[in-house]
Amino acid sequence: MKNNQQEDNIGSIGIGAMIVFIALILVAAVASAVIIQTGEKLQQNAQQTGSDTQREIGGKITINGVKITNVDDIKIYFEPSPGSGVLNTVDIAWQVSCDNAGYNFKAGAFGDGDATNDETGSNFAFPASQPEETDDTADGDFGDVDGTVGDGDDTSREAITLTPGQNYVIEIDLTEDGVAGTNDDCAIVDQSVNNQMTLWIHVEGGGSTYETMTITDKTAGSALV
C-alpha cells in the first residue's frame, strides 16, 4: 500500500512538471510571436520613415535669395537642395501670400509663363549665369521669334530640368490681373514697408520650402530674403 502511494506521488509530480513544461512552451511561443510582430512593425516604420526622408531630401528647393525686380515682380534665386536628384520644372510650383488688403494669394508653376505677352519672361526658370530672362538683344544672339527685338519671346535658355549644384533664377509676376496697383494682389507696389509675404516652393513628390519675406525697401534690387 505504501509503495503504491509513493508511485502515485511520483506520477503526480511528473504530470505537474509536464504541464508546467507545456505551459512554458506556449508562453514562449506567444512571446516569440509578439516579438516577431513588433520587430516587423518597427522595420516597416523605419523603412517608411527612411523613404519619406529620402523623398523629402531628394526633391527639394533651397532658396538662396529674393529680390524686388519692379513694382510687379520679384526674382527668386534658388538651387536644388543637397541630395536632390535632377528636378523637372513642370513638377515645381510656387505660392505667395500677403496681407496688404486682407488675405491675398498668388500661385504659379516654374515654366508656365507666356513670354510672347510678357516682356520680362516671368514664370520661366533660367540658369543664374544667364539671368536676363527672354529679352533678345540687337545682335540676335538668342534669336527672335517674331522679329521684334527685346520683346522677350525667345525661350531657348529656359531651364527644363534643374541640376543639383547649379544655381537658377526665376522672375514671378505677383499681380492678379496683370495690373499692379489694384490692391487685390501681392504686387510690390501694393505693399507697404514692413509688410510681410510668405513664399512657398513645392516639389511634386518631394518636399516644400518656405520663406518669410519682409519688405524693408520697395526699390528695385532690394532684398526680401
Protein backbone atom coordinates (compact mmCIF):
# COMPACT_ATOMS: atom_id res chain seq x y z
CA MET A 1 0.00 0.00 0.00
CA LYS A 2 2.84 2.27 0.86
CA ASN A 3 4.64 1.60 -2.41
CA ASN A 4 1.52 2.42 -4.41
CA GLN A 5 1.19 5.74 -2.60
CA GLN A 6 4.81 6.64 -3.36
CA GLU A 7 4.36 5.75 -7.01
CA ASP A 8 1.19 7.90 -7.16
CA ASN A 9 3.09 10.84 -5.69
CA ILE A 10 5.92 10.43 -8.19
CA GLY A 11 3.40 10.18 -11.06
CA SER A 12 1.64 13.35 -9.91
CA ILE A 13 4.93 15.23 -9.78
CA GLY A 14 5.76 14.05 -13.32
CA ILE A 15 2.37 15.15 -14.67
CA GLY A 16 2.73 18.53 -12.95
CA ALA A 17 6.18 19.00 -14.41
CA MET A 18 4.87 18.12 -17.86
CA ILE A 19 2.03 20.66 -17.52
CA VAL A 20 4.49 23.35 -16.46
CA PHE A 21 6.75 22.44 -19.39
CA ILE A 22 3.89 22.67 -21.89
CA ALA A 23 2.80 25.99 -20.37
CA LEU A 24 6.33 27.36 -20.75
CA ILE A 25 6.39 26.27 -24.39
CA LEU A 26 3.05 28.03 -25.03
CA VAL A 27 4.21 31.19 -23.26
CA ALA A 28 7.46 31.15 -25.23
CA ALA A 29 5.55 30.70 -28.49
CA VAL A 30 3.24 33.63 -27.71
CA ALA A 31 6.18 35.80 -26.63
CA SER A 32 8.09 34.90 -29.80
CA ALA A 33 5.09 35.81 -31.96
CA VAL A 34 4.77 39.18 -30.20
CA ILE A 35 8.49 39.89 -30.57
CA ILE A 36 8.45 38.95 -34.26
CA GLN A 37 5.38 41.11 -34.97
CA THR A 38 6.88 44.03 -33.06
CA GLY A 39 10.16 43.67 -34.97
CA GLU A 40 8.35 43.59 -38.31
CA LYS A 41 6.30 46.66 -37.37
CA LEU A 42 9.40 48.57 -36.32
CA GLN A 43 11.14 47.59 -39.56
CA GLN A 44 8.17 48.74 -41.64
CA ASN A 45 8.04 52.05 -39.77
CA ALA A 46 11.78 52.55 -40.21
CA GLN A 47 11.55 51.80 -43.94
CA GLN A 48 8.60 54.18 -44.32
CA THR A 49 10.42 56.91 -42.39
CA GLY A 50 13.52 56.37 -44.50
CA SER A 51 11.51 56.53 -47.72
CA ASP A 52 9.74 59.70 -46.61
CA THR A 53 13.02 61.31 -45.58
CA GLN A 54 14.71 60.32 -48.83
CA ARG A 55 11.81 61.71 -50.84
CA GLU A 56 11.80 64.89 -48.78
CA ILE A 57 15.53 65.42 -49.21
CA GLY A 58 15.71 64.05 -52.73
CA GLY A 59 13.27 66.59 -54.12
CA LYS A 60 13.51 69.99 -52.50
CA ILE A 61 14.49 73.55 -53.38
CA THR A 62 16.87 75.78 -51.43
CA ILE A 63 16.07 79.50 -51.66
CA ASN A 64 19.28 81.50 -51.83
CA GLY A 65 17.72 84.94 -52.10
CA VAL A 66 14.75 87.01 -53.25
CA LYS A 67 14.98 90.50 -54.75
CA ILE A 68 12.50 93.06 -55.99
CA THR A 69 12.54 93.41 -59.78
CA ASN A 70 9.93 96.15 -60.25
CA VAL A 71 6.51 97.20 -59.00
CA ASP A 72 5.02 93.89 -60.19
CA ASP A 73 7.65 91.17 -59.90
CA ILE A 74 10.29 89.57 -57.72
CA LYS A 75 13.25 87.37 -58.62
CA ILE A 76 13.91 84.16 -56.71
CA TYR A 77 17.46 82.79 -56.68
CA PHE A 78 17.47 79.10 -55.87
CA GLU A 79 19.06 75.68 -56.37
CA PRO A 80 18.10 72.04 -55.78
CA SER A 81 18.85 71.11 -52.18
CA PRO A 82 21.88 68.91 -51.44
CA GLY A 83 20.98 65.28 -52.02
CA SER A 84 18.28 66.12 -54.55
CA GLY A 85 18.15 64.44 -57.91
CA VAL A 86 17.51 66.18 -61.22
CA LEU A 87 14.18 68.02 -60.91
CA ASN A 88 11.74 68.79 -63.68
CA THR A 89 10.36 72.33 -63.67
CA VAL A 90 6.86 71.09 -64.51
CA ASP A 91 6.85 69.41 -61.08
CA ILE A 92 7.64 72.63 -59.18
CA ALA A 93 5.08 75.19 -58.08
CA TRP A 94 5.35 78.47 -56.17
CA GLN A 95 2.90 80.31 -53.95
CA VAL A 96 2.98 83.77 -52.40
CA SER A 97 0.55 85.05 -49.79
CA CYS A 98 0.29 88.59 -48.47
CA ASP A 99 -1.96 90.64 -46.22
CA ASN A 100 -1.79 94.09 -47.80
CA ALA A 101 -5.62 94.25 -48.09
CA GLY A 102 -6.96 91.25 -46.29
CA TYR A 103 -5.55 87.90 -47.37
CA ASN A 104 -4.29 87.71 -50.95
CA PHE A 105 -2.77 84.74 -52.67
CA LYS A 106 -0.84 84.24 -55.90
CA ALA A 107 0.44 80.94 -57.34
CA GLY A 108 2.04 79.50 -60.44
CA ALA A 109 4.46 76.90 -61.75
CA PHE A 110 8.05 77.11 -62.90
CA GLY A 111 7.75 77.35 -66.66
CA ASP A 112 4.11 78.37 -67.04
CA GLY A 113 4.83 81.89 -68.30
CA ASP A 114 3.84 83.38 -71.64
CA ALA A 115 6.94 85.08 -72.97
CA THR A 116 5.19 86.37 -76.11
CA ASN A 117 2.98 88.57 -73.92
CA ASP A 118 5.41 89.26 -71.12
CA GLU A 119 8.49 91.28 -71.84
CA THR A 120 10.31 90.03 -68.76
CA GLY A 121 9.58 86.35 -69.35
CA SER A 122 8.02 85.94 -65.91
CA ASN A 123 7.47 82.44 -64.56
CA PHE A 124 10.30 80.93 -66.59
CA ALA A 125 13.26 79.45 -64.68
CA PHE A 126 16.72 80.17 -66.08
CA PRO A 127 20.31 79.36 -65.10
CA ALA A 128 21.64 82.11 -62.83
CA SER A 129 24.60 82.51 -65.19
CA GLN A 130 22.15 83.85 -67.81
CA PRO A 131 19.72 85.84 -65.67
CA GLU A 132 18.37 88.16 -68.34
CA GLU A 133 15.31 86.01 -68.99
CA THR A 134 13.98 86.03 -72.51
CA ASP A 135 14.81 89.53 -73.70
CA ASP A 136 16.54 89.42 -77.10
CA THR A 137 19.41 91.68 -77.96
CA ALA A 138 20.01 93.70 -81.08
CA ASP A 139 22.72 91.33 -82.29
CA GLY A 140 20.27 88.41 -82.28
CA ASP A 141 22.47 86.15 -80.18
CA PHE A 142 19.47 84.28 -78.87
CA GLY A 143 17.24 84.63 -81.90
CA ASP A 144 13.91 86.37 -82.20
CA VAL A 145 10.62 84.64 -82.89
CA ASP A 146 8.56 87.41 -84.45
CA GLY A 147 11.25 89.91 -85.43
CA THR A 148 10.67 92.30 -82.54
CA VAL A 149 13.93 92.90 -80.74
CA GLY A 150 13.74 92.85 -76.96
CA ASP A 151 10.17 91.57 -76.67
CA GLY A 152 11.20 88.57 -74.57
CA ASP A 153 9.74 85.84 -76.78
CA ASP A 154 12.91 83.77 -77.06
CA THR A 155 12.75 80.94 -74.51
CA SER A 156 15.77 78.99 -75.75
CA ARG A 157 17.55 79.41 -72.40
CA GLU A 158 14.65 78.24 -70.30
CA ALA A 159 15.61 75.53 -67.79
CA ILE A 160 13.52 72.42 -68.38
CA THR A 161 15.33 70.47 -65.68
CA LEU A 162 17.22 71.61 -62.59
CA THR A 163 20.59 70.02 -61.88
CA PRO A 164 21.94 69.77 -58.29
CA GLY A 165 24.88 72.06 -57.67
CA GLN A 166 23.72 74.69 -60.18
CA ASN A 167 22.06 78.00 -59.35
CA TYR A 168 18.91 79.23 -61.04
CA VAL A 169 16.69 82.29 -61.09
CA ILE A 170 13.03 82.80 -61.79
CA GLU A 171 11.08 86.02 -62.00
CA ILE A 172 7.47 85.71 -60.87
CA ASP A 173 4.61 88.11 -61.51
CA LEU A 174 2.72 88.94 -58.32
CA THR A 175 -0.19 90.75 -59.96
CA GLU A 176 -3.55 89.02 -60.13
CA ASP A 177 -4.83 90.53 -63.35
CA GLY A 178 -1.63 91.85 -64.88
CA VAL A 179 -2.26 95.32 -63.48
CA ALA A 180 -0.40 96.49 -60.39
CA GLY A 181 -1.91 99.00 -58.02
CA THR A 182 -5.32 97.34 -57.76
CA ASN A 183 -4.74 96.24 -54.15
CA ASP A 184 -6.16 92.77 -54.89
CA ASP A 185 -2.85 91.01 -55.40
CA CYS A 186 0.64 90.79 -53.92
CA ALA A 187 2.40 93.22 -56.27
CA ILE A 188 5.22 95.17 -54.64
CA VAL A 189 3.54 98.50 -55.40
CA ASP A 190 0.51 97.36 -53.35
CA GLN A 191 2.65 96.56 -50.31
CA SER A 192 3.76 98.84 -47.51
CA VAL A 193 7.16 98.96 -45.86
CA ASN A 194 7.37 96.32 -43.11
CA ASN A 195 4.64 94.24 -44.75
CA GLN A 196 5.39 90.53 -44.83
CA MET A 197 4.78 88.00 -47.57
CA THR A 198 5.22 84.24 -47.38
CA LEU A 199 6.80 82.31 -50.23
CA TRP A 200 6.37 78.56 -50.70
CA ILE A 201 8.04 76.34 -53.29
CA HIS A 202 6.59 72.84 -53.65
CA VAL A 203 8.15 69.91 -55.50
CA GLU A 204 5.64 67.29 -56.57
CA GLY A 205 6.51 64.01 -54.86
CA GLY A 206 9.16 65.81 -52.83
CA GLY A 207 9.45 68.46 -50.16
CA SER A 208 8.31 72.04 -49.66
CA THR A 209 10.32 75.13 -48.79
CA TYR A 210 9.01 78.39 -47.39
CA GLU A 211 10.47 81.77 -46.56
CA THR A 212 9.00 84.82 -44.86
CA MET A 213 9.76 87.93 -46.90
CA THR A 214 9.79 91.33 -45.18
CA ILE A 215 9.62 94.50 -47.24
CA THR A 216 12.12 96.97 -45.83
CA ASP A 217 12.65 98.84 -49.09
CA LYS A 218 10.43 98.82 -52.20
CA THR A 219 13.23 99.95 -54.52
CA ALA A 220 14.11 97.65 -57.42
CA GLY A 221 17.04 95.43 -56.45
CA SER A 222 16.22 95.45 -52.72
CA ALA A 223 16.48 92.09 -50.99
CA LEU A 224 13.46 90.42 -49.43
CA VAL A 225 15.33 87.31 -48.20
